[in-house]
Structure formats: structure tokens, C-alpha cells
Amino acid sequence: MVIHPGRPSLETAPSRLISRRIALGSVLGLAPTVWAPAARASERVRSVAGIIDCEGWGARPPAEDVVVLASPPRRIVVHHTATRNLEDFSLGRALALARAVQNLHMDTRGWIDTGQHFTVSRGAYVTEGRHRSLAELNEGLRQVRSAHCVGQNDVAVGIETEGTYTGVEPPPQQFEALAELCAYVCGRYGLDPAEIRGHRDFNDTACPGDRLYALLPRLRDEVAARLR
């Protein structure tokens, strides 16, 4: 769940939780296809470390220059998008979701860009969110200021998982991709997997849903195993 960071810019708004139960699924309904890893994506889609960058999914430029902080993050915060659990696991769906989230955050919420750093689709495609997030992650020294969790936007990498996980668990391939992404983030920034947290740990929200939140201990264990 992405909420406002409370800083002077186009992102300035009351520091309150904003409902994200939006009908993106109905807007973005696409024909289901067989899931395939991001490495098989079209050559037009740019992918670094398995992550499709902003240019690759056709992002709009940010309304203002994004802020690159001088220090690396201290943790990862996991979210869910609170959208419908569609059975469209295609690359096209993942790219359309990235564009729709950016449009929502910029046009409806008045933010300068997508709020989170990365998004993991139900089909296990990973897309960059806020511009420069991927470049800074690959360098492993600094992070981009975000808008995903009040009080954590200067110190945490925000990862969205597509879907609503209050009553069901994410698809296995999505959870696997989330674990791979978290391991890459932890490896690049030297983070302890124990610092993989849920949005509700910091703000008054149900995000990332009871079922995904209950999987966080397993996620930490799997990330630790990958790092070993």
C-alpha cells in the first residue's frame, strides 16, 4: 500500500492512509497467457538483473527530478497492490500494471512518479517503479527517495506485489520472484534478511494482507539461504 511521504514537492498531501482498493484489474483486463520468466521478454523490453527498467515498460518522465539519497537503505518493506488477483500472468499484464500504477500515483495522488521502487507481478515479472531505483540498486551505495510508507521513504526499499493477499497466498512463481528480488536487494546493499518487513509494521494498514504477511518469516529464511 503506497502512501504519502509528507515532503514539500508535488507529493505533498495530508499524512493519512489512502485506500488503494482500486479497480485496476477491470481497467487492465488482458487475455491470460502462459507464464514465462522475464528473460524471455521481447527484445524491446530492457531488463537488468531480471528487472524491467522504466524505459522497458514505457514510463512517463517524473514530474520533478527524483531525489537520490546519500546513504543506502536499512531494510525492505513489502506491500501488496490491493488489486484483483487476476489469472493473467503475461508480460503484457506486468507492463500495463506498471503504467497504470504510475498514472494513478501521478495523476490522482499528485506524486512526482511511481511511489514504490519495484513491483512483482503475479506472473513473476519484476518492474522498476520510481526512476533511478534500479541504477542505484545496481551500484549498491545509495537509494532513491520514495513514497511507499510513511516514516520509511528515506530508509527502506519498497516492493509491491500485485494482488490482494488478505485471504489467499500469492502464486508460487510470484513468491519465488519476490524472494529472488529481495535477495538481490539484500546482497547489493548488505542488508540482513531479518530487515524484510511488512507495511503494517510501520503504518496503520492491513497491507500486505494477512496471508502474505504470514509468509514473511519464510521469505526471510529463503532470502538468507540464497545469500549463503
Foldseek 3Di string as FASTA:
>chain_A
DFAQQCDPDLSHDDRDDDDQQDAVCVVLPDDADDFDQLVPDDPLFDADLLEGECVRLPFDQFQDDWDKDQFAAAFAAEFERNYAPDNRLDPSSVSSVLRVQQCCCCVVSRGRWRAAQWEQELSGRIYGGDPPQVVCLQQQGIGIQGGGAHPRRRHYHYYYYYHAAQPHDRPPSSLVSVLSVRLSSCVSNVYQLVRYAYRVVHDPDCTPHPRVRVCSVVSSVSSVVVND
